[in-house]
Amino acid sequence: MNNRVTLDVHDEWQTDAEKDLSVRSDLAVNVDTERTPIAWIGLVTMLVGSVLFTVGGFLFAAAYPDAWYALDRAVAASQGRIRLIMTMMGLGTVGVFLGTSMYFFGRSMRGRGQVDRIRMGDSL
């Protein structure tokens, strides 16, 4: 990717004896992004975490006991299912946060720039 940046420099500390000097410069900026194995593992961890959380959410909506306010024995009968759903959603949340951290830790960016020309001029 090659971007053009124009830089204007103006001096703010100016007395009556000084003139306003304007400096314009064209910069060519090239930015390269590189992903290390940690970044790729982070992407996979984010993907697995988001799938776990989504599946856990659907299971929560579909398989949670019909009457959540039911007697203790109805909730006790589905206690294993409730644990599974909450474990999936918890692991999914941790996976998304851990994967995001790993991705940004393992990504490196390198930028190079070059000044093509500089124009200086007085403004009265």
PDB file of N, CA and C in Angstrom:
ATOM      1  N   MET A   1       0.851  -1.158   0.000  1.00  0.00           N
ATOM      2  CA  MET A   1       0.000   0.000   0.000  1.00  0.00           C
ATOM      3  C   MET A   1       0.902   1.226   0.000  1.00  0.00           C
ATOM      4  N   ASN A   2       0.622   2.173  -0.859  1.00  0.00           N
ATOM      5  CA  ASN A   2       1.427   3.381  -0.959  1.00  0.00           C
ATOM      6  C   ASN A   2       0.499   4.574  -0.777  1.00  0.00           C
ATOM      7  N   ASN A   3       0.709   5.352   0.254  1.00  0.00           N
ATOM      8  CA  ASN A   3      -0.137   6.502   0.551  1.00  0.00           C
ATOM      9  C   ASN A   3       0.664   7.780   0.401  1.00  0.00           C
ATOM     10  N   ARG A   4      -0.014   8.846   0.059  1.00  0.00           N
ATOM     11  CA  ARG A   4       0.610  10.158  -0.044  1.00  0.00           C
ATOM     12  C   ARG A   4       0.108  11.005   1.117  1.00  0.00           C
ATOM     13  N   VAL A   5       1.039  11.644   1.798  1.00  0.00           N
ATOM     14  CA  VAL A   5       0.709  12.502   2.936  1.00  0.00           C
ATOM     15  C   VAL A   5       1.317  13.856   2.674  1.00  0.00           C
ATOM     16  N   THR A   6       0.534  14.920   2.845  1.00  0.00           N
ATOM     17  CA  THR A   6       1.041  16.276   2.725  1.00  0.00           C
ATOM     18  C   THR A   6       1.183  16.857   4.118  1.00  0.00           C
ATOM     19  N   LEU A   7       2.333  17.415   4.397  1.00  0.00           N
ATOM     20  CA  LEU A   7       2.652  17.919   5.724  1.00  0.00           C
ATOM     21  C   LEU A   7       2.798  19.427   5.652  1.00  0.00           C
ATOM     22  N   ASP A   8       2.006  20.173   6.396  1.00  0.00           N
ATOM     23  CA  ASP A   8       2.129  21.620   6.517  1.00  0.00           C
ATOM     24  C   ASP A   8       2.710  21.937   7.876  1.00  0.00           C
ATOM     25  N   VAL A   9       3.770  22.751   7.907  1.00  0.00           N
ATOM     26  CA  VAL A   9       4.405  23.150   9.161  1.00  0.00           C
ATOM     27  C   VAL A   9       4.310  24.657   9.261  1.00  0.00           C
ATOM     28  N   HIS A  10       3.710  25.146  10.338  1.00  0.00           N
ATOM     29  CA  HIS A  10       3.613  26.582  10.588  1.00  0.00           C
ATOM     30  C   HIS A  10       4.163  26.868  11.968  1.00  0.00           C
ATOM     31  N   ASP A  11       4.935  27.912  12.068  1.00  0.00           N
ATOM     32  CA  ASP A  11       5.502  28.296  13.352  1.00  0.00           C
ATOM     33  C   ASP A  11       4.482  29.132  14.112  1.00  0.00           C
ATOM     34  N   GLU A  12       4.114  28.686  15.306  1.00  0.00           N
ATOM     35  CA  GLU A  12       3.118  29.400  16.110  1.00  0.00           C
ATOM     36  C   GLU A  12       3.730  30.547  16.906  1.00  0.00           C
ATOM     37  N   TRP A  13       5.024  30.461  17.210  1.00  0.00           N
ATOM     38  CA  TRP A  13       5.696  31.502  17.993  1.00  0.00           C
ATOM     39  C   TRP A  13       6.270  32.529  17.029  1.00  0.00           C
ATOM     40  N   GLN A  14       5.547  33.568  16.822  1.00  0.00           N
ATOM     41  CA  GLN A  14       5.903  34.534  15.799  1.00  0.00           C
ATOM     42  C   GLN A  14       5.885  35.937  16.403  1.00  0.00           C
ATOM     43  N   THR A  15       6.918  36.698  16.104  1.00  0.00           N
ATOM     44  CA  THR A  15       6.944  38.095  16.543  1.00  0.00           C
ATOM     45  C   THR A  15       6.683  38.983  15.332  1.00  0.00           C
ATOM     46  N   ASP A  16       6.629  40.292  15.569  1.00  0.00           N
ATOM     47  CA  ASP A  16       6.360  41.221  14.471  1.00  0.00           C
ATOM     48  C   ASP A  16       7.481  41.227  13.440  1.00  0.00           C
ATOM     49  N   ALA A  17       8.697  40.930  13.873  1.00  0.00           N
ATOM     50  CA  ALA A  17       9.829  40.981  12.951  1.00  0.00           C
ATOM     51  C   ALA A  17       9.924  39.725  12.087  1.00  0.00           C
ATOM     52  N   GLU A  18       9.197  38.682  12.450  1.00  0.00           N
ATOM     53  CA  GLU A  18       9.274  37.431  11.692  1.00  0.00           C
ATOM     54  C   GLU A  18       8.160  37.344  10.661  1.00  0.00           C
ATOM     55  N   LYS A  19       8.403  36.577   9.641  1.00  0.00           N
ATOM     56  CA  LYS A  19       7.399  36.323   8.622  1.00  0.00           C
ATOM     57  C   LYS A  19       6.821  34.931   8.847  1.00  0.00           C
ATOM     58  N   ASP A  20       5.624  34.695   8.328  1.00  0.00           N
ATOM     59  CA  ASP A  20       5.008  33.372   8.393  1.00  0.00           C
ATOM     60  C   ASP A  20       5.649  32.512   7.317  1.00  0.00           C
ATOM     61  N   LEU A  21       6.355  31.481   7.732  1.00  0.00           N
ATOM     62  CA  LEU A  21       7.041  30.598   6.810  1.00  0.00           C
ATOM     63  C   LEU A  21       6.259  29.294   6.714  1.00  0.00           C
ATOM     64  N   SER A  22       5.883  28.921   5.522  1.00  0.00           N
ATOM     65  CA  SER A  22       5.118  27.706   5.294  1.00  0.00           C
ATOM     66  C   SER A  22       6.016  26.675   4.619  1.00  0.00           C
ATOM     67  N   VAL A  23       6.028  25.462   5.181  1.00  0.00           N
ATOM     68  CA  VAL A  23       6.811  24.369   4.605  1.00  0.00           C
ATOM     69  C   VAL A  23       5.827  23.282   4.198  1.00  0.00           C
ATOM     70  N   ARG A  24       5.857  22.912   2.928  1.00  0.00           N
ATOM     71  CA  ARG A  24       5.000  21.828   2.440  1.00  0.00           C
ATOM     72  C   ARG A  24       5.902  20.708   1.957  1.00  0.00           C
ATOM     73  N   SER A  25       5.528  19.495   2.341  1.00  0.00           N
ATOM     74  CA  SER A  25       6.332  18.345   1.974  1.00  0.00           C
ATOM     75  C   SER A  25       5.411  17.201   1.561  1.00  0.00           C
ATOM     76  N   ASP A  26       5.788  16.485   0.520  1.00  0.00           N
ATOM     77  CA  ASP A  26       5.057  15.291   0.094  1.00  0.00           C
ATOM     78  C   ASP A  26       5.817  14.069   0.587  1.00  0.00           C
ATOM     79  N   LEU A  27       5.127  13.227   1.333  1.00  0.00           N
ATOM     80  CA  LEU A  27       5.727  12.012   1.877  1.00  0.00           C
ATOM     81  C   LEU A  27       5.105  10.796   1.204  1.00  0.00           C
ATOM     82  N   ALA A  28       5.927   9.842   0.858  1.00  0.00           N
ATOM     83  CA  ALA A  28       5.436   8.552   0.364  1.00  0.00           C
ATOM     84  C   ALA A  28       5.577   7.561   1.514  1.00  0.00           C
ATOM     85  N   VAL A  29       4.462   6.962   1.939  1.00  0.00           N
ATOM     86  CA  VAL A  29       4.465   6.056   3.087  1.00  0.00           C
ATOM     87  C   VAL A  29       4.068   4.661   2.620  1.00  0.00           C
ATOM     88  N   ASN A  30       4.844   3.662   3.017  1.00  0.00           N
ATOM     89  CA  ASN A  30       4.562   2.277   2.683  1.00  0.00           C
ATOM     90  C   ASN A  30       4.493   1.495   3.993  1.00  0.00           C
ATOM     91  N   VAL A  31       3.386   0.805   4.254  1.00  0.00           N
ATOM     92  CA  VAL A  31       3.197   0.060   5.498  1.00  0.00           C
ATOM     93  C   VAL A  31       3.000  -1.415   5.162  1.00  0.00           C
ATOM     94  N   ASP A  32       3.808  -2.273   5.787  1.00  0.00           N
ATOM     95  CA  ASP A  32       3.706  -3.727   5.618  1.00  0.00           C
ATOM     96  C   ASP A  32       3.241  -4.341   6.926  1.00  0.00           C
ATOM     97  N   THR A  33       2.320  -5.285   6.854  1.00  0.00           N
ATOM     98  CA  THR A  33       1.837  -5.995   8.037  1.00  0.00           C
ATOM     99  C   THR A  33       2.293  -7.444   7.954  1.00  0.00           C
ATOM    100  N   GLU A  34       2.825  -7.938   9.059  1.00  0.00           N
ATOM    101  CA  GLU A  34       3.294  -9.322   9.107  1.00  0.00           C
ATOM    102  C   GLU A  34       2.664 -10.001  10.316  1.00  0.00           C
ATOM    103  N   ARG A  35       2.180 -11.218  10.111  1.00  0.00           N
ATOM    104  CA  ARG A  35       1.569 -11.980  11.210  1.00  0.00           C
ATOM    105  C   ARG A  35       2.496 -13.130  11.589  1.00  0.00           C
ATOM    106  N   THR A  36       2.835 -13.194  12.864  1.00  0.00           N
ATOM    107  CA  THR A  36       3.671 -14.281  13.374  1.00  0.00           C
ATOM    108  C   THR A  36       2.768 -15.475  13.704  1.00  0.00           C
ATOM    109  N   PRO A  37       3.333 -16.627  14.037  1.00  0.00           N
ATOM    110  CA  PRO A  37       2.491 -17.773  14.413  1.00  0.00           C
ATOM    111  C   PRO A  37       1.574 -17.485  15.609  1.00  0.00           C
ATOM    112  N   ILE A  38       1.999 -16.622  16.514  1.00  0.00           N
ATOM    113  CA  ILE A  38       1.133 -16.266  17.652  1.00  0.00           C
ATOM    114  C   ILE A  38      -0.124 -15.562  17.160  1.00  0.00           C
ATOM    115  N   ALA A  39       0.023 -14.714  16.149  1.00  0.00           N
ATOM    116  CA  ALA A  39      -1.147 -14.020  15.602  1.00  0.00           C
ATOM    117  C   ALA A  39      -2.104 -15.005  14.944  1.00  0.00           C
ATOM    118  N   TRP A  40      -1.580 -15.983  14.206  1.00  0.00           N
ATOM    119  CA  TRP A  40      -2.447 -16.977  13.567  1.00  0.00           C
ATOM    120  C   TRP A  40      -3.156 -17.836  14.611  1.00  0.00           C
ATOM    121  N   ILE A  41      -2.444 -18.212  15.667  1.00  0.00           N
ATOM    122  CA  ILE A  41      -3.080 -18.977  16.752  1.00  0.00           C
ATOM    123  C   ILE A  41      -4.167 -18.127  17.405  1.00  0.00           C
ATOM    124  N   GLY A  42      -3.902 -16.835  17.543  1.00  0.00           N
ATOM    125  CA  GLY A  42      -4.911 -15.929  18.096  1.00  0.00           C
ATOM    126  C   GLY A  42      -6.151 -15.847  17.231  1.00  0.00           C
ATOM    127  N   LEU A  43      -5.970 -15.819  15.904  1.00  0.00           N
ATOM    128  CA  LEU A  43      -7.135 -15.794  15.008  1.00  0.00           C
ATOM    129  C   LEU A  43      -7.971 -17.064  15.157  1.00  0.00           C
ATOM    130  N   VAL A  44      -7.287 -18.209  15.246  1.00  0.00           N
ATOM    131  CA  VAL A  44      -8.009 -19.475  15.417  1.00  0.00           C
ATOM    132  C   VAL A  44      -8.712 -19.504  16.769  1.00  0.00           C
ATOM    133  N   THR A  45      -8.042 -19.009  17.808  1.00  0.00           N
ATOM    134  CA  THR A  45      -8.654 -18.971  19.137  1.00  0.00           C
ATOM    135  C   THR A  45      -9.883 -18.067  19.156  1.00  0.00           C
ATOM    136  N   MET A  46      -9.811 -16.928  18.471  1.00  0.00           N
ATOM    137  CA  MET A  46     -10.985 -16.050  18.372  1.00  0.00           C
ATOM    138  C   MET A  46     -12.133 -16.751  17.662  1.00  0.00           C
ATOM    139  N   LEU A  47     -11.825 -17.448  16.580  1.00  0.00           N
ATOM    140  CA  LEU A  47     -12.860 -18.148  15.820  1.00  0.00           C
ATOM    141  C   LEU A  47     -13.514 -19.242  16.662  1.00  0.00           C
ATOM    142  N   VAL A  48     -12.701 -20.056  17.318  1.00  0.00           N
ATOM    143  CA  VAL A  48     -13.248 -21.131  18.159  1.00  0.00           C
ATOM    144  C   VAL A  48     -14.056 -20.550  19.316  1.00  0.00           C
ATOM    145  N   GLY A  49     -13.559 -19.486  19.922  1.00  0.00           N
ATOM    146  CA  GLY A  49     -14.287 -18.847  21.023  1.00  0.00           C
ATOM    147  C   GLY A  49     -15.621 -18.277  20.590  1.00  0.00           C
ATOM    148  N   SER A  50     -15.658 -17.652  19.417  1.00  0.00           N
ATOM    149  CA  SER A  50     -16.929 -17.089  18.960  1.00  0.00           C
ATOM    150  C   SER A  50     -17.924 -18.198  18.596  1.00  0.00           C
ATOM    151  N   VAL A  51     -17.432 -19.312  18.040  1.00  0.00           N
ATOM    152  CA  VAL A  51     -18.324 -20.442  17.733  1.00  0.00           C
ATOM    153  C   VAL A  51     -18.867 -21.041  19.028  1.00  0.00           C
ATOM    154  N   LEU A  52     -17.992 -21.249  20.023  1.00  0.00           N
ATOM    155  CA  LEU A  52     -18.450 -21.785  21.312  1.00  0.00           C
ATOM    156  C   LEU A  52     -19.501 -20.887  21.952  1.00  0.00           C
ATOM    157  N   PHE A  53     -19.263 -19.583  21.933  1.00  0.00           N
ATOM    158  CA  PHE A  53     -20.213 -18.662  22.547  1.00  0.00           C
ATOM    159  C   PHE A  53     -21.540 -18.665  21.797  1.00  0.00           C
ATOM    160  N   THR A  54     -21.494 -18.695  20.468  1.00  0.00           N
ATOM    161  CA  THR A  54     -22.725 -18.691  19.677  1.00  0.00           C
ATOM    162  C   THR A  54     -23.520 -19.981  19.875  1.00  0.00           C
ATOM    163  N   VAL A  55     -22.839 -21.119  19.838  1.00  0.00           N
ATOM    164  CA  VAL A  55     -23.526 -22.397  20.064  1.00  0.00           C
ATOM    165  C   VAL A  55     -24.100 -22.449  21.475  1.00  0.00           C
ATOM    166  N   GLY A  56     -23.341 -21.962  22.452  1.00  0.00           N
ATOM    167  CA  GLY A  56     -23.845 -21.898  23.825  1.00  0.00           C
ATOM    168  C   GLY A  56     -25.068 -21.013  23.949  1.00  0.00           C
ATOM    169  N   GLY A  57     -25.085 -19.908  23.220  1.00  0.00           N
ATOM    170  CA  GLY A  57     -26.265 -19.039  23.241  1.00  0.00           C
ATOM    171  C   GLY A  57     -27.488 -19.702  22.644  1.00  0.00           C
ATOM    172  N   PHE A  58     -27.288 -20.417  21.524  1.00  0.00           N
ATOM    173  CA  PHE A  58     -28.421 -21.128  20.930  1.00  0.00           C
ATOM    174  C   PHE A  58     -28.916 -22.252  21.839  1.00  0.00           C
ATOM    175  N   LEU A  59     -27.977 -22.973  22.458  1.00  0.00           N
ATOM    176  CA  LEU A  59     -28.381 -24.021  23.400  1.00  0.00           C
ATOM    177  C   LEU A  59     -29.105 -23.431  24.605  1.00  0.00           C
ATOM    178  N   PHE A  60     -28.651 -22.274  25.042  1.00  0.00           N
ATOM    179  CA  PHE A  60     -29.319 -21.615  26.163  1.00  0.00           C
ATOM    180  C   PHE A  60     -30.761 -21.282  25.806  1.00  0.00           C
ATOM    181  N   ALA A  61     -30.954 -20.797  24.580  1.00  0.00           N
ATOM    182  CA  ALA A  61     -32.309 -20.437  24.156  1.00  0.00           C
ATOM    183  C   ALA A  61     -33.181 -21.664  23.900  1.00  0.00           C
ATOM    184  N   ALA A  62     -32.589 -22.744  23.397  1.00  0.00           N
ATOM    185  CA  ALA A  62     -33.391 -23.900  23.000  1.00  0.00           C
ATOM    186  C   ALA A  62     -33.463 -25.000  24.058  1.00  0.00           C
ATOM    187  N   ALA A  63     -32.390 -25.251  24.784  1.00  0.00           N
ATOM    188  CA  ALA A  63     -32.336 -26.433  25.637  1.00  0.00           C
ATOM    189  C   ALA A  63     -32.419 -26.128  27.126  1.00  0.00           C
ATOM    190  N   TYR A  64     -32.504 -24.872  27.491  1.00  0.00           N
ATOM    191  CA  TYR A  64     -32.620 -24.555  28.912  1.00  0.00           C
ATOM    192  C   TYR A  64     -33.983 -25.073  29.387  1.00  0.00           C
ATOM    193  N   PRO A  65     -34.127 -25.439  30.655  1.00  0.00           N
ATOM    194  CA  PRO A  65     -35.426 -25.971  31.117  1.00  0.00           C
ATOM    195  C   PRO A  65     -36.574 -25.027  30.750  1.00  0.00           C
ATOM    196  N   ASP A  66     -37.654 -25.624  30.262  1.00  0.00           N
ATOM    197  CA  ASP A  66     -38.790 -24.821  29.810  1.00  0.00           C
ATOM    198  C   ASP A  66     -39.290 -23.879  30.896  1.00  0.00           C
ATOM    199  N   ALA A  67     -39.437 -24.402  32.052  1.00  0.00           N
ATOM    200  CA  ALA A  67     -39.925 -23.561  33.143  1.00  0.00           C
ATOM    201  C   ALA A  67     -38.762 -23.286  34.095  1.00  0.00           C
ATOM    202  N   TRP A  68     -38.084 -22.188  33.877  1.00  0.00           N
ATOM    203  CA  TRP A  68     -36.933 -21.858  34.710  1.00  0.00           C
ATOM    204  C   TRP A  68     -37.342 -21.601  36.157  1.00  0.00           C
ATOM    205  N   TYR A  69     -38.613 -21.341  36.357  1.00  0.00           N
ATOM    206  CA  TYR A  69     -39.128 -21.088  37.700  1.00  0.00           C
ATOM    207  C   TYR A  69     -39.717 -22.366  38.303  1.00  0.00           C
ATOM    208  N   ALA A  70     -39.447 -23.512  37.647  1.00  0.00           N
ATOM    209  CA  ALA A  70     -40.052 -24.788  38.055  1.00  0.00           C
ATOM    210  C   ALA A  70     -39.499 -25.242  39.402  1.00  0.00           C
ATOM    211  N   LEU A  71     -40.024 -26.359  39.832  1.00  0.00           N
ATOM    212  CA  LEU A  71     -39.582 -26.936  41.097  1.00  0.00           C
ATOM    213  C   LEU A  71     -38.108 -27.324  41.020  1.00  0.00           C
ATOM    214  N   ASP A  72     -37.520 -27.515  42.172  1.00  0.00           N
ATOM    215  CA  ASP A  72     -36.101 -27.836  42.236  1.00  0.00           C
ATOM    216  C   ASP A  72     -35.754 -29.103  41.484  1.00  0.00           C
ATOM    217  N   ARG A  73     -36.637 -30.083  41.452  1.00  0.00           N
ATOM    218  CA  ARG A  73     -36.299 -31.343  40.776  1.00  0.00           C
ATOM    219  C   ARG A  73     -36.218 -31.164  39.263  1.00  0.00           C
ATOM    220  N   ALA A  74     -36.995 -30.232  38.660  1.00  0.00           N
ATOM    221  CA  ALA A  74     -36.888 -30.003  37.212  1.00  0.00           C
ATOM    222  C   ALA A  74     -35.555 -29.346  36.873  1.00  0.00           C
ATOM    223  N   VAL A  75     -35.118 -28.429  37.711  1.00  0.00           N
ATOM    224  CA  VAL A  75     -33.828 -27.787  37.476  1.00  0.00           C
ATOM    225  C   VAL A  75     -32.696 -28.760  37.784  1.00  0.00           C
ATOM    226  N   ALA A  76     -32.864 -29.573  38.830  1.00  0.00           N
ATOM    227  CA  ALA A  76     -31.828 -30.540  39.190  1.00  0.00           C
ATOM    228  C   ALA A  76     -31.637 -31.585  38.091  1.00  0.00           C
ATOM    229  N   ALA A  77     -32.697 -31.953  37.409  1.00  0.00           N
ATOM    230  CA  ALA A  77     -32.599 -32.950  36.341  1.00  0.00           C
ATOM    231  C   ALA A  77     -31.791 -32.423  35.163  1.00  0.00           C
ATOM    232  N   SER A  78     -31.822 -31.121  34.936  1.00  0.00           N
ATOM    233  CA  SER A  78     -31.099 -30.551  33.797  1.00  0.00           C
ATOM    234  C   SER A  78     -29.848 -29.783  34.232  1.00  0.00           C
ATOM    235  N   GLN A  79     -29.359 -30.066  35.427  1.00  0.00           N
ATOM    236  CA  GLN A  79     -28.208 -29.344  35.946  1.00  0.00           C
ATOM    237  C   GLN A  79     -26.952 -29.587  35.099  1.00  0.00           C
ATOM    238  N   GLY A  80     -26.773 -30.782  34.588  1.00  0.00           N
ATOM    239  CA  GLY A  80     -25.625 -31.070  33.717  1.00  0.00           C
ATOM    240  C   GLY A  80     -25.680 -30.266  32.429  1.00  0.00           C
ATOM    241  N   ARG A  81     -26.874 -30.144  31.853  1.00  0.00           N
ATOM    242  CA  ARG A  81     -27.045 -29.367  30.630  1.00  0.00           C
ATOM    243  C   ARG A  81     -26.770 -27.882  30.884  1.00  0.00           C
ATOM    244  N   ILE A  82     -27.228 -27.387  32.024  1.00  0.00           N
ATOM    245  CA  ILE A  82     -26.993 -25.978  32.364  1.00  0.00           C
ATOM    246  C   ILE A  82     -25.496 -25.724  32.525  1.00  0.00           C
ATOM    247  N   ARG A  83     -24.798 -26.656  33.207  1.00  0.00           N
ATOM    248  CA  ARG A  83     -23.350 -26.516  33.369  1.00  0.00           C
ATOM    249  C   ARG A  83     -22.641 -26.505  32.020  1.00  0.00           C
ATOM    250  N   LEU A  84     -23.059 -27.392  31.114  1.00  0.00           N
ATOM    251  CA  LEU A  84     -22.454 -27.453  29.791  1.00  0.00           C
ATOM    252  C   LEU A  84     -22.635 -26.131  29.040  1.00  0.00           C
ATOM    253  N   ILE A  85     -23.845 -25.582  29.095  1.00  0.00           N
ATOM    254  CA  ILE A  85     -24.130 -24.326  28.386  1.00  0.00           C
ATOM    255  C   ILE A  85     -23.290 -23.192  28.962  1.00  0.00           C
ATOM    256  N   MET A  86     -23.255 -23.074  30.277  1.00  0.00           N
ATOM    257  CA  MET A  86     -22.503 -21.985  30.894  1.00  0.00           C
ATOM    258  C   MET A  86     -20.994 -22.155  30.682  1.00  0.00           C
ATOM    259  N   THR A  87     -20.517 -23.404  30.670  1.00  0.00           N
ATOM    260  CA  THR A  87     -19.101 -23.653  30.399  1.00  0.00           C
ATOM    261  C   THR A  87     -18.752 -23.263  28.969  1.00  0.00           C
ATOM    262  N   MET A  88     -19.615 -23.614  28.009  1.00  0.00           N
ATOM    263  CA  MET A  88     -19.373 -23.236  26.618  1.00  0.00           C
ATOM    264  C   MET A  88     -19.335 -21.727  26.448  1.00  0.00           C
ATOM    265  N   MET A  89     -20.286 -21.034  27.059  1.00  0.00           N
ATOM    266  CA  MET A  89     -20.319 -19.583  26.912  1.00  0.00           C
ATOM    267  C   MET A  89     -19.133 -18.925  27.628  1.00  0.00           C
ATOM    268  N   GLY A  90     -18.740 -19.466  28.762  1.00  0.00           N
ATOM    269  CA  GLY A  90     -17.579 -18.924  29.472  1.00  0.00           C
ATOM    270  C   GLY A  90     -16.285 -19.145  28.714  1.00  0.00           C
ATOM    271  N   LEU A  91     -16.099 -20.373  28.198  1.00  0.00           N
ATOM    272  CA  LEU A  91     -14.906 -20.646  27.404  1.00  0.00           C
ATOM    273  C   LEU A  91     -14.892 -19.826  26.110  1.00  0.00           C
ATOM    274  N   GLY A  92     -16.069 -19.606  25.531  1.00  0.00           N
ATOM    275  CA  GLY A  92     -16.144 -18.773  24.334  1.00  0.00           C
ATOM    276  C   GLY A  92     -15.733 -17.345  24.603  1.00  0.00           C
ATOM    277  N   THR A  93     -16.181 -16.801  25.727  1.00  0.00           N
ATOM    278  CA  THR A  93     -15.812 -15.431  26.086  1.00  0.00           C
ATOM    279  C   THR A  93     -14.310 -15.316  26.334  1.00  0.00           C
ATOM    280  N   VAL A  94     -13.765 -16.251  27.092  1.00  0.00           N
ATOM    281  CA  VAL A  94     -12.322 -16.244  27.359  1.00  0.00           C
ATOM    282  C   VAL A  94     -11.544 -16.422  26.059  1.00  0.00           C
ATOM    283  N   GLY A  95     -12.024 -17.296  25.167  1.00  0.00           N
ATOM    284  CA  GLY A  95     -11.348 -17.521  23.895  1.00  0.00           C
ATOM    285  C   GLY A  95     -11.309 -16.284  23.024  1.00  0.00           C
ATOM    286  N   VAL A  96     -12.401 -15.534  22.987  1.00  0.00           N
ATOM    287  CA  VAL A  96     -12.429 -14.316  22.167  1.00  0.00           C
ATOM    288  C   VAL A  96     -11.445 -13.287  22.723  1.00  0.00           C
ATOM    289  N   PHE A  97     -11.451 -13.079  24.035  1.00  0.00           N
ATOM    290  CA  PHE A  97     -10.535 -12.100  24.620  1.00  0.00           C
ATOM    291  C   PHE A  97      -9.075 -12.541  24.498  1.00  0.00           C
ATOM    292  N   LEU A  98      -8.797 -13.808  24.779  1.00  0.00           N
ATOM    293  CA  LEU A  98      -7.434 -14.314  24.677  1.00  0.00           C
ATOM    294  C   LEU A  98      -6.950 -14.285  23.226  1.00  0.00           C
ATOM    295  N   GLY A  99      -7.800 -14.691  22.298  1.00  0.00           N
ATOM    296  CA  GLY A  99      -7.427 -14.674  20.884  1.00  0.00           C
ATOM    297  C   GLY A  99      -7.167 -13.273  20.369  1.00  0.00           C
ATOM    298  N   THR A 100      -7.959 -12.306  20.802  1.00  0.00           N
ATOM    299  CA  THR A 100      -7.734 -10.920  20.391  1.00  0.00           C
ATOM    300  C   THR A 100      -6.397 -10.418  20.911  1.00  0.00           C
ATOM    301  N   SER A 101      -6.103 -10.719  22.168  1.00  0.00           N
ATOM    302  CA  SER A 101      -4.815 -10.301  22.735  1.00  0.00           C
ATOM    303  C   SER A 101      -3.654 -10.953  22.000  1.00  0.00           C
ATOM    304  N   MET A 102      -3.777 -12.239  21.719  1.00  0.00           N
ATOM    305  CA  MET A 102      -2.703 -12.943  21.015  1.00  0.00           C
ATOM    306  C   MET A 102      -2.526 -12.403  19.596  1.00  0.00           C
ATOM    307  N   TYR A 103      -3.626 -12.084  18.938  1.00  0.00           N
ATOM    308  CA  TYR A 103      -3.536 -11.575  17.569  1.00  0.00           C
ATOM    309  C   TYR A 103      -2.781 -10.249  17.533  1.00  0.00           C
ATOM    310  N   PHE A 104      -3.167  -9.317  18.405  1.00  0.00           N
ATOM    311  CA  PHE A 104      -2.510  -8.015  18.370  1.00  0.00           C
ATOM    312  C   PHE A 104      -1.093  -8.071  18.918  1.00  0.00           C
ATOM    313  N   PHE A 105      -0.794  -9.032  19.784  1.00  0.00           N
ATOM    314  CA  PHE A 105       0.570  -9.206  20.261  1.00  0.00           C
ATOM    315  C   PHE A 105       1.459  -9.774  19.162  1.00  0.00           C
ATOM    316  N   GLY A 106       0.920 -10.662  18.350  1.00  0.00           N
ATOM    317  CA  GLY A 106       1.711 -11.331  17.329  1.00  0.00           C
ATOM    318  C   GLY A 106       1.754 -10.637  15.988  1.00  0.00           C
ATOM    319  N   ARG A 107       1.063  -9.527  15.846  1.00  0.00           N
ATOM    320  CA  ARG A 107       1.071  -8.812  14.572  1.00  0.00           C
ATOM    321  C   ARG A 107       2.119  -7.712  14.627  1.00  0.00           C
ATOM    322  N   SER A 108       2.894  -7.590  13.582  1.00  0.00           N
ATOM    323  CA  SER A 108       3.885  -6.514  13.524  1.00  0.00           C
ATOM    324  C   SER A 108       3.662  -5.719  12.246  1.00  0.00           C
ATOM    325  N   MET A 109       3.886  -4.432  12.367  1.00  0.00           N
ATOM    326  CA  MET A 109       3.724  -3.544  11.214  1.00  0.00           C
ATOM    327  C   MET A 109       5.036  -2.792  11.012  1.00  0.00           C
ATOM    328  N   ARG A 110       5.434  -2.684   9.774  1.00  0.00           N
ATOM    329  CA  ARG A 110       6.635  -1.948   9.422  1.00  0.00           C
ATOM    330  C   ARG A 110       6.254  -0.850   8.444  1.00  0.00           C
ATOM    331  N   GLY A 111       6.705   0.344   8.711  1.00  0.00           N
ATOM    332  CA  GLY A 111       6.421   1.450   7.812  1.00  0.00           C
ATOM    333  C   GLY A 111       7.704   2.078   7.293  1.00  0.00           C
ATOM    334  N   ARG A 112       7.680   2.456   6.053  1.00  0.00           N
ATOM    335  CA  ARG A 112       8.802   3.146   5.437  1.00  0.00           C
ATOM    336  C   ARG A 112       8.280   4.408   4.784  1.00  0.00           C
ATOM    337  N   GLY A 113       9.049   5.458   4.837  1.00  0.00           N
ATOM    338  CA  GLY A 113       8.633   6.709   4.224  1.00  0.00           C
ATOM    339  C   GLY A 113       9.758   7.340   3.431  1.00  0.00           C
ATOM    340  N   GLN A 114       9.356   8.218   2.548  1.00  0.00           N
ATOM    341  CA  GLN A 114      10.331   8.907   1.705  1.00  0.00           C
ATOM    342  C   GLN A 114       9.771  10.289   1.390  1.00  0.00           C
ATOM    343  N   VAL A 115      10.621  11.298   1.484  1.00  0.00           N
ATOM    344  CA  VAL A 115      10.219  12.665   1.166  1.00  0.00           C
ATOM    345  C   VAL A 115      10.582  12.924  -0.283  1.00  0.00           C
ATOM    346  N   ASP A 116       9.567  13.226  -1.101  1.00  0.00           N
ATOM    347  CA  ASP A 116       9.822  13.474  -2.523  1.00  0.00           C
ATOM    348  C   ASP A 116      10.336  14.888  -2.775  1.00  0.00           C
ATOM    349  N   ARG A 117       9.645  15.859  -2.234  1.00  0.00           N
ATOM    350  CA  ARG A 117      10.071  17.246  -2.471  1.00  0.00           C
ATOM    351  C   ARG A 117       9.583  18.118  -1.321  1.00  0.00           C
ATOM    352  N   ILE A 118      10.291  19.200  -1.116  1.00  0.00           N
ATOM    353  CA  ILE A 118       9.925  20.155  -0.052  1.00  0.00           C
ATOM    354  C   ILE A 118       9.780  21.517  -0.705  1.00  0.00           C
ATOM    355  N   ARG A 119       8.685  22.209  -0.395  1.00  0.00           N
ATOM    356  CA  ARG A 119       8.448  23.553  -0.887  1.00  0.00           C
ATOM    357  C   ARG A 119       8.363  24.495   0.314  1.00  0.00           C
ATOM    358  N   MET A 120       9.104  25.572   0.242  1.00  0.00           N
ATOM    359  CA  MET A 120       9.062  26.586   1.298  1.00  0.00           C
ATOM    360  C   MET A 120       8.602  27.888   0.656  1.00  0.00           C
ATOM    361  N   GLY A 121       7.780  28.627   1.389  1.00  0.00           N
ATOM    362  CA  GLY A 121       7.312  29.893   0.857  1.00  0.00           C
ATOM    363  C   GLY A 121       6.911  30.843   1.959  1.00  0.00           C
ATOM    364  N   ASP A 122       6.991  32.132   1.665  1.00  0.00           N
ATOM    365  CA  ASP A 122       6.587  33.175   2.605  1.00  0.00           C
ATOM    366  C   ASP A 122       5.147  33.561   2.323  1.00  0.00           C
ATOM    367  N   SER A 123       4.416  33.867   3.373  1.00  0.00           N
ATOM    368  CA  SER A 123       3.093  34.456   3.195  1.00  0.00           C
ATOM    369  C   SER A 123       3.072  35.766   3.959  1.00  0.00           C
ATOM    370  N   LEU A 124       2.640  36.776   3.314  1.00  0.00           N
ATOM    371  CA  LEU A 124       2.634  38.116   3.936  1.00  0.00           C
ATOM    372  C   LEU A 124       1.322  38.418   4.592  1.00  0.00           C
TER     373      LEU A 124
END
